[in-house]
Each structure stands twice: as C-alpha cells, then as structure tokens.
Protein backbone atom coordinates (compact mmCIF):
# COMPACT_ATOMS: atom_id res chain seq x y z
CA UNK A 1 -30.01 -43.78 -34.50
CA UNK A 2 -27.59 -42.39 -31.68
CA UNK A 3 -25.52 -39.97 -32.61
CA UNK A 4 -21.61 -40.10 -32.71
CA UNK A 5 -22.01 -37.18 -29.76
CA UNK A 6 -25.32 -39.43 -27.92
CA UNK A 7 -22.92 -42.38 -28.67
CA UNK A 8 -19.87 -40.91 -26.75
CA UNK A 9 -21.91 -39.71 -24.11
CA UNK A 10 -22.46 -43.22 -23.39
CA UNK A 11 -19.28 -42.88 -22.49
CA UNK A 12 -19.57 -40.84 -19.94
CA UNK A 13 -22.75 -42.27 -18.74
CA UNK A 14 -20.75 -45.77 -17.95
CA UNK A 15 -18.51 -44.21 -15.49
CA UNK A 16 -21.09 -41.81 -13.82
CA UNK A 17 -22.52 -45.19 -12.45
CA UNK A 18 -19.31 -46.46 -11.16
CA UNK A 19 -18.95 -45.09 -7.75
CA UNK A 20 -22.74 -45.52 -6.72
CA UNK A 21 -21.94 -49.37 -6.63
CA UNK A 22 -19.08 -51.45 -5.20
CA UNK A 23 -16.18 -49.21 -4.85
CA UNK A 24 -14.94 -50.70 -1.54
CA UNK A 25 -12.58 -48.91 1.04
CA UNK A 26 -9.11 -49.59 1.40
CA UNK A 27 -9.44 -51.36 4.68
CA UNK A 28 -9.83 -55.12 3.00
CA UNK A 29 -11.46 -55.92 6.27
CA UNK A 30 -14.83 -53.79 5.60
CA UNK A 31 -17.24 -55.10 3.03
CA UNK A 32 -19.57 -53.40 0.57
CA UNK A 33 -22.39 -53.31 3.55
CA UNK A 34 -20.07 -51.78 5.87
CA UNK A 35 -19.11 -48.97 3.92
CA UNK A 36 -23.41 -48.25 2.87
CA UNK A 37 -26.11 -48.51 5.02
CA UNK A 38 -29.40 -48.85 4.68
CA UNK A 39 -32.15 -46.71 6.49
CA UNK A 40 -36.25 -46.95 5.37
CA UNK A 41 -35.72 -43.50 3.67
CA UNK A 42 -32.66 -44.68 1.59
CA UNK A 43 -31.32 -47.12 -0.48
CA UNK A 44 -29.21 -49.79 0.16
CA UNK A 45 -26.40 -50.58 -2.25
CA UNK A 46 -26.36 -54.72 -3.38
CA UNK A 47 -26.52 -56.44 -6.38
CA UNK A 48 -30.19 -55.87 -7.38
CA UNK A 49 -29.62 -51.87 -6.83
CA UNK A 50 -27.82 -50.06 -9.82
CA UNK A 51 -29.01 -46.46 -10.49
CA UNK A 52 -28.97 -45.41 -14.36
CA UNK A 53 -27.00 -42.68 -15.32
CA UNK A 54 -29.16 -40.64 -17.43
CA UNK A 55 -27.52 -39.71 -20.58
CA UNK A 56 -30.13 -36.87 -21.40
CA UNK A 57 -28.66 -34.92 -18.59
CA UNK A 58 -25.27 -35.55 -19.26
CA UNK A 59 -25.92 -34.24 -22.73
CA UNK A 60 -28.13 -31.42 -21.00
CA UNK A 61 -24.96 -30.58 -18.74
CA UNK A 62 -22.45 -30.33 -21.11
CA UNK A 63 -24.48 -28.64 -23.99
CA UNK A 64 -26.28 -25.78 -21.69
CA UNK A 65 -23.43 -25.20 -19.50
CA UNK A 66 -19.91 -26.56 -20.25
CA UNK A 67 -19.56 -26.00 -24.38
CA UNK A 68 -18.14 -22.16 -24.03
CA UNK A 69 -14.56 -21.41 -22.81
CA UNK A 70 -14.19 -21.39 -18.69
CA UNK A 71 -10.83 -19.60 -18.70
CA UNK A 72 -10.07 -16.40 -16.82
CA UNK A 73 -7.90 -14.79 -19.24
CA UNK A 74 -9.86 -15.11 -21.83
CA UNK A 75 -13.76 -14.82 -20.59
CA UNK A 76 -13.88 -14.23 -17.20
CA UNK A 77 -17.71 -13.23 -17.20
CA UNK A 78 -18.28 -17.38 -18.65
CA UNK A 79 -16.24 -18.43 -15.93
CA UNK A 80 -18.35 -17.09 -13.39
CA UNK A 81 -21.51 -18.21 -14.77
CA UNK A 82 -20.16 -21.59 -14.90
CA UNK A 83 -18.81 -21.37 -11.20
CA UNK A 84 -22.44 -20.33 -10.08
CA UNK A 85 -23.97 -23.20 -11.62
CA UNK A 86 -22.06 -25.72 -10.56
CA UNK A 87 -22.05 -24.56 -6.90
CA UNK A 88 -25.97 -24.04 -7.06
CA UNK A 89 -25.69 -27.35 -8.70
CA UNK A 90 -24.15 -29.15 -5.41
CA UNK A 91 -26.57 -26.90 -3.00
CA UNK A 92 -29.59 -28.22 -5.17
CA UNK A 93 -28.15 -31.87 -4.81
CA UNK A 94 -27.63 -30.98 -0.44
CA UNK A 95 -24.17 -31.24 -0.60
CA UNK A 96 -22.37 -29.17 1.98
CA UNK A 97 -21.02 -27.15 -0.10
CA UNK A 98 -17.77 -24.56 0.84
CA UNK A 99 -15.43 -22.81 -1.97
CA UNK A 100 -11.60 -21.85 -1.83
CA UNK A 101 -10.20 -19.26 -3.30
CA UNK A 102 -6.20 -18.91 -4.00
CA UNK A 103 -4.47 -16.51 -5.90
CA UNK A 104 -1.68 -17.78 -9.04
CA UNK A 105 1.03 -15.46 -10.60
CA UNK A 106 4.48 -16.11 -11.75
CA UNK A 107 6.76 -14.72 -14.81
CA UNK A 108 4.98 -18.12 -17.12
CA UNK A 109 1.04 -16.75 -16.41
CA UNK A 110 -0.56 -13.54 -15.18
CA UNK A 111 -1.97 -13.27 -12.62
CA UNK A 112 -5.42 -14.48 -11.75
CA UNK A 113 -7.77 -16.23 -9.41
CA UNK A 114 -8.53 -19.72 -9.33
CA UNK A 115 -12.07 -21.00 -7.55
CA UNK A 116 -11.66 -24.54 -5.98
CA UNK A 117 -15.67 -25.90 -5.42
CA UNK A 118 -16.12 -28.46 -2.77
CA UNK A 119 -19.36 -30.53 -1.67
CA UNK A 120 -19.17 -32.98 0.47
CA UNK A 121 -22.11 -35.55 0.64
CA UNK A 122 -22.05 -36.64 4.04
CA UNK A 123 -21.65 -40.44 5.53
CA UNK A 124 -22.92 -41.77 8.95
CA UNK A 125 -18.98 -41.17 10.29
CA UNK A 126 -18.75 -37.47 9.51
CA UNK A 127 -19.37 -35.73 12.12
CA UNK A 128 -16.57 -37.76 14.13
CA UNK A 129 -13.09 -38.99 13.35
CA UNK A 130 -13.62 -42.29 11.85
CA UNK A 131 -14.73 -40.43 8.52
CA UNK A 132 -13.03 -42.54 5.35
CA UNK A 133 -13.38 -39.85 2.66
CA UNK A 134 -13.90 -41.36 -1.14
CA UNK A 135 -12.80 -38.20 -3.70
CA UNK A 136 -13.83 -37.65 -7.01
CA UNK A 137 -12.43 -34.60 -8.96
CA UNK A 138 -12.87 -32.80 -12.15
CA UNK A 139 -11.16 -29.58 -13.11
CA UNK A 140 -13.85 -27.06 -15.13
CA UNK A 141 -11.15 -24.89 -16.25
CA UNK A 142 -10.56 -24.38 -20.29
CA UNK A 143 -7.65 -23.82 -22.46
CA UNK A 144 -7.79 -20.29 -23.71
CA UNK A 145 -10.59 -19.76 -25.71
CA UNK A 146 -11.40 -23.71 -26.35
CA UNK A 147 -15.29 -24.96 -26.13
CA UNK A 148 -13.70 -27.26 -23.36
CA UNK A 149 -16.67 -30.08 -24.01
CA UNK A 150 -14.55 -32.94 -23.83
CA UNK A 151 -11.72 -31.01 -21.52
CA UNK A 152 -13.23 -31.13 -19.44
CA UNK A 153 -16.77 -30.73 -19.61
CA UNK A 154 -17.24 -34.36 -19.87
CA UNK A 155 -15.48 -35.08 -16.08
CA UNK A 156 -17.37 -32.28 -14.96
CA UNK A 157 -21.10 -33.83 -16.35
CA UNK A 158 -20.40 -37.19 -14.80
CA UNK A 159 -19.50 -35.77 -11.76
CA UNK A 160 -22.71 -33.95 -11.54
CA UNK A 161 -24.32 -37.00 -12.52
CA UNK A 162 -23.02 -38.78 -9.87
CA UNK A 163 -24.32 -36.30 -7.23
CA UNK A 164 -27.90 -35.94 -8.62
CA UNK A 165 -28.02 -39.92 -8.71
CA UNK A 166 -27.01 -39.86 -4.77
CA UNK A 167 -29.39 -37.06 -4.05
CA UNK A 168 -32.53 -38.74 -6.43
CA UNK A 169 -31.92 -42.26 -4.40
CA UNK A 170 -31.67 -40.42 -0.69
CA UNK A 171 -28.61 -42.81 -0.89
CA UNK A 172 -27.07 -42.56 2.74
CA UNK A 173 -23.46 -43.65 3.36
CA UNK A 174 -21.61 -44.84 6.26
CA UNK A 175 -18.26 -42.91 4.89
CA UNK A 176 -18.23 -39.86 3.36
CA UNK A 177 -18.07 -39.04 -0.37
CA UNK A 178 -16.42 -35.56 -1.29
CA UNK A 179 -16.81 -33.81 -4.53
CA UNK A 180 -14.07 -31.42 -6.24
CA UNK A 181 -14.64 -29.08 -9.45
CA UNK A 182 -10.92 -28.07 -9.77
CA UNK A 183 -9.76 -24.07 -10.90
CA UNK A 184 -6.57 -23.59 -13.40
CA UNK A 185 -6.02 -27.45 -14.03
CA UNK A 186 -4.67 -25.93 -17.25
CA UNK A 187 -2.08 -23.72 -15.75
CA UNK A 188 -0.18 -26.68 -14.13
CA UNK A 189 -2.96 -28.66 -12.14
CA UNK A 190 -2.50 -25.75 -9.32
CA UNK A 191 -5.94 -25.92 -8.30
CA UNK A 192 -5.33 -28.98 -6.84
CA UNK A 193 -1.95 -27.86 -5.87
CA UNK A 194 -3.50 -26.05 -3.32
CA UNK A 195 -6.79 -28.14 -2.27
CA UNK A 196 -4.44 -30.82 -1.53
CA UNK A 197 -1.77 -28.63 0.38
CA UNK A 198 -4.34 -26.07 1.92
CA UNK A 199 -7.94 -27.77 2.17
CA UNK A 200 -7.55 -31.67 1.93
CA UNK A 201 -4.70 -32.29 4.01
CA UNK A 202 -4.96 -29.85 6.78
CA UNK A 203 -8.56 -29.64 7.37
CA UNK A 204 -9.74 -33.38 6.45
CA UNK A 205 -6.60 -35.67 7.45
CA UNK A 206 -5.20 -33.48 10.07
CA UNK A 207 -7.82 -31.52 12.00
CA UNK A 208 -10.78 -33.88 11.75
CA UNK A 209 -8.47 -37.06 11.53
CA UNK A 210 -10.23 -38.72 8.73
CA UNK A 211 -8.62 -41.55 6.56
CA UNK A 212 -8.60 -41.16 3.01
CA UNK A 213 -9.50 -43.37 0.30
CA UNK A 214 -8.13 -41.57 -2.61
CA UNK A 215 -9.04 -39.77 -5.12
CA UNK A 216 -10.87 -40.50 -8.33
CA UNK A 217 -9.83 -37.64 -11.30
CA UNK A 218 -11.95 -37.38 -14.24
CA UNK A 219 -10.52 -35.70 -17.16
CA UNK A 220 -11.06 -35.85 -20.74
CA UNK A 221 -13.67 -38.82 -21.10
CA UNK A 222 -16.47 -37.92 -24.15
CA UNK A 223 -13.98 -39.47 -26.79
CA UNK A 224 -14.87 -43.04 -28.08
CA UNK A 225 -13.03 -43.83 -31.23
CA UNK A 226 -13.90 -47.57 -33.08
CA UNK A 227 -11.62 -46.39 -36.16
CA UNK A 228 -8.13 -47.70 -36.97
CA UNK A 229 -5.38 -45.68 -35.99
CA UNK A 230 -7.17 -43.82 -33.67
CA UNK A 231 -4.75 -43.93 -30.29
CA UNK A 232 -1.75 -42.37 -30.47
CA UNK A 233 1.36 -43.72 -28.35
CA UNK A 234 3.95 -40.82 -27.33
CA UNK A 235 7.32 -41.86 -27.25
CA UNK A 236 7.44 -41.66 -22.91
CA UNK A 237 4.41 -44.00 -22.56
CA UNK A 238 5.98 -46.43 -24.71
CA UNK A 239 8.74 -46.40 -22.85
CA UNK A 240 6.92 -46.18 -19.31
CA UNK A 241 4.53 -48.93 -20.41
CA UNK A 242 5.59 -51.50 -22.70
CA UNK A 243 3.61 -54.56 -22.32
CA UNK A 244 0.39 -51.78 -22.59
CA UNK A 245 1.87 -49.93 -26.07
CA UNK A 246 2.45 -53.87 -27.03
CA UNK A 247 -1.09 -54.30 -26.58
CA UNK A 248 -2.50 -50.94 -28.26
CA UNK A 249 -0.62 -51.91 -31.66
CA UNK A 250 -2.08 -55.59 -31.40
CA UNK A 251 -5.85 -53.83 -31.34
CA UNK A 252 -4.04 -51.72 -34.78
CA UNK A 253 -4.11 -48.43 -32.23
CA UNK A 254 -8.36 -48.18 -31.72
CA UNK A 255 -8.94 -45.69 -29.07
CA UNK A 256 -11.91 -47.24 -27.87
CA UNK A 257 -11.57 -47.55 -24.16
CA UNK A 258 -10.87 -45.54 -20.87
CA UNK A 259 -7.77 -45.79 -19.41
CA UNK A 260 -7.57 -46.21 -15.78
CA UNK A 261 -3.29 -44.64 -14.93
CA UNK A 262 -2.35 -45.57 -11.58
CA UNK A 263 0.84 -46.52 -9.80
CA UNK A 264 1.52 -50.11 -9.29
CA UNK A 265 1.69 -51.14 -5.88
CA UNK A 266 0.75 -47.46 -4.56
CA UNK A 267 -2.86 -46.96 -6.43
CA UNK A 268 -4.01 -50.85 -6.71
CA UNK A 269 -6.87 -51.24 -4.34
CA UNK A 270 -8.86 -48.32 -5.64
CA UNK A 271 -8.07 -49.10 -9.33
CA UNK A 272 -8.75 -52.92 -8.68
CA UNK A 273 -12.28 -52.39 -7.44
CA UNK A 274 -12.84 -49.54 -10.55
CA UNK A 275 -11.60 -52.63 -12.48
CA UNK A 276 -13.51 -55.31 -11.09
CA UNK A 277 -16.83 -53.67 -11.20
CA UNK A 278 -16.06 -52.41 -15.04
CA UNK A 279 -15.71 -56.03 -15.78
CA UNK A 280 -18.25 -57.75 -13.90
CA UNK A 281 -20.49 -55.38 -15.73
CA UNK A 282 -19.32 -55.95 -19.29
CA UNK A 283 -22.87 -56.48 -20.92
CA UNK A 284 -24.37 -53.07 -19.76
CA UNK A 285 -21.27 -51.01 -20.46
CA UNK A 286 -19.79 -52.60 -23.47
CA UNK A 287 -16.85 -50.03 -23.39
CA UNK A 288 -13.45 -51.21 -22.22
CA UNK A 289 -11.47 -50.07 -19.32
CA UNK A 290 -7.53 -50.25 -20.01
CA UNK A 291 -5.57 -50.33 -17.30
CA UNK A 292 -2.56 -48.56 -17.44
CA UNK A 293 -0.05 -49.12 -14.28
CA UNK A 294 3.19 -47.32 -13.86
CA UNK A 295 5.85 -49.99 -12.21
CA UNK A 296 8.57 -46.76 -12.19
CA UNK A 297 7.07 -43.96 -10.43
CA UNK A 298 7.03 -44.56 -6.28
CA UNK A 299 6.13 -42.89 -2.66
CA UNK A 300 8.75 -39.94 -3.31
CA UNK A 301 8.53 -37.35 -5.30
CA UNK A 302 10.49 -38.02 -8.48
CA UNK A 303 13.52 -36.09 -9.96
CA UNK A 304 12.71 -33.89 -12.89
CA UNK A 305 14.34 -36.46 -15.45
CA UNK A 306 11.89 -38.93 -14.10
CA UNK A 307 9.08 -36.36 -13.87
CA UNK A 308 10.03 -35.88 -17.79
CA UNK A 309 10.19 -39.33 -18.90
CA UNK A 310 6.28 -39.95 -17.42
CA UNK A 311 5.48 -36.42 -18.67
CA UNK A 312 2.26 -37.62 -20.91
CA UNK A 313 1.24 -39.66 -17.74
CA UNK A 314 1.14 -36.82 -15.55
CA UNK A 315 -0.84 -34.41 -17.34
CA UNK A 316 -4.18 -33.65 -14.87
CA UNK A 317 -4.97 -33.51 -11.34
CA UNK A 318 -4.01 -36.71 -10.04
CA UNK A 319 -0.22 -36.18 -9.70
CA UNK A 320 -1.30 -33.47 -6.75
CA UNK A 321 -1.98 -35.96 -4.80
CA UNK A 322 0.67 -38.64 -5.62
CA UNK A 323 3.22 -35.82 -5.27
CA UNK A 324 1.65 -33.31 -2.64
CA UNK A 325 4.94 -31.99 -0.75
CA UNK A 326 3.04 -31.12 2.51
CA UNK A 327 5.34 -31.19 5.68
CA UNK A 328 2.31 -32.15 7.66
CA UNK A 329 2.27 -35.96 6.01
CA UNK A 330 5.08 -38.08 4.94
CA UNK A 331 3.31 -40.21 2.20
CA UNK A 332 1.72 -40.15 -1.22
CA UNK A 333 -2.22 -40.17 -1.19
CA UNK A 334 -4.28 -42.69 -3.33
CA UNK A 335 -4.82 -41.38 -6.74
CA UNK A 336 -6.22 -42.45 -9.74
CA UNK A 337 -7.18 -40.85 -13.23
CA UNK A 338 -10.05 -42.02 -15.49
CA UNK A 339 -9.34 -40.61 -19.12
CA UNK A 340 -9.87 -41.23 -22.63
CA UNK A 341 -5.99 -40.11 -22.99
CA UNK A 342 -7.10 -36.52 -24.08
CA UNK A 343 -4.58 -35.47 -26.83
CA UNK A 344 -3.15 -38.75 -27.68
CA UNK A 345 -6.28 -39.40 -28.49
CA UNK A 346 -7.84 -38.80 -32.30
CA UNK A 347 -11.25 -37.89 -31.59
C-alpha cells in the first residue's frame, strides 16, 4: 500500500513525463515530429514511446537532498550543499551547465548572494540562430528555516527527473530545452528577475537570436488532497476567476488537482499543449489539471492596484517572464505556472 507521501509523489511523477512527449512549438506549422527528431542512437517521441518517471528516484531526491532549509540567511552551508548537488546533477546528465551569480540588498532584506543554475539540453539548432527554447524552471530556495519539501523540493525533483529521462534515453531534439534552478524566489522572485533580464534576454534572445517558446514554472506541486474543504479560494482569486471559483465550490473545495495558471490569449498555446497531453493520458495520470485562465492581465506591466488584486496568482517566478521590463525587447514572454496552489491548499 502506498503511503500518503508516495501518493503525493505520484502527483509529481505525472508531471515529470509531460515535457518529453507532446509539448509542441508555438508555430502551428511545425509538428511534434519536426520538433523532436531521431537517430540510430536516440529515441524519437511518438504515441508508442512514453518514458516513465521513477517515483523512487523522485522520493530519494526529496528525502536525501531537498528536505532541509535552503536559505542563505538561515543556513548558508546547507544551501551551498544543495547548489553543488544540483550543478553535479546537471553535469552528470550532460547538460551544458553554467551559473549566474547576483547580489541583492535593500531595506527589506539583508545583503545576500544568489545563484541561478542553468542547464541546456542542446537541440540540433543550438549552434545557429534558429533555435527555439522551451524553458522548465523551479526555485530551490526556502522560506527561513522551513524544510522546503513541497516549496519547492517538489518542483526541483520533477525538473531533475525530466533531465534524467532525457539523458537516460539519449534523446535527440531538434530544438533546445533549458532547465533553470532559480534562487531567491522567496524574496520576491529575484532570481528569475536577474535570470530573465541579465541572462535569457541578452544572451539567448538578443545575441543568439533564439526564439522563445515559453517557460513552464514548477512551484509546490506535491500537495494532493481528496478530502472535502482542502482547497481555499482567497478573495482576489474569487474576483479574478469567478468561473473557476464556482467550479471549486461545486466540487466541495477538494484540492485534488494541479493548477495551470496562465493569461488567456497570451500563454494559450503552451497551456493548451500541456492540457491536451494531460487529458489524452488521463488513464495513466488520474490526477486532475485545473486551468486558471486569467482574462484581466495583459501584455503590459499592470499598475500597482491590478497587481495587488491578483497577488495570489502572481506568487512565483512566472511573473518575471510576464513583466520583465527589459528595454531590449518590448513584449511579454510566454510563461505558465504549475502549482498545487501552495498556501491556499490545505495539507
């Protein structure tokens, strides 16, 4: 019989298989076959090939490496150990690995260094200007002295499982996948702010001229609860997403799903690809995916009141892709957030 922890890990396991199969490029003229090619020594993704995530490896990652505080102000030595482990895991699985150091300081926090860990699984077009990047990101830092098992050991564990499967099956992709372990999300998504503005846009989108398919951000994806009343709806979400809120009410506030948070019309192609895969594999993945489609947020940076009115929909690294404010490009970047809804999801 599975323990409660194992059942929750199955939730993480379900997601870890998604990006390896039917996520399509934003250009509708390109098929999945064009996105993912094969060779004699590599695997071609099609309906007959669905690599399975390993729940035991997911569990071991969390229990052995992602169940202690990873906060520089609480215990810097433990955080450094985690950073080294992530870098080693990226390297072991043959990613092109680099790190991005940055320093934060201000009236609301002590000065501390941050470290984003970037890994690229290169596609055929990596060496030229025609690459199309799909990014999968998760933050690894924790709130204070908390263990950070769900927030966000779960997201990092799923990210590393995807990397392991790509390497284990020697997958040869047409376009590159980028994996980013982000730091200092708990201090206002500062790691993703520095990553988007100082690395992704100048290095990848401007210098290399890569196209950006979008970012899938994984944040707190472990909590699965089938009891009545296990899902709360804060007032800002109720106002911003009345139809979604009504649905949760009709299902008696059961928190048995992962939420897919995205802006309607701006992030739809990426969110629709994830949703299509999830629904087509419902028998293998009996966990629900609940789309939280936001109509009231657009391409431009919202004013302070609008941001406040959507606070619980913006509490992760996806916000820095949506509203990066980098003068080098004048448009938003596609991003979606996969989450169990974190603090409003009762364990």
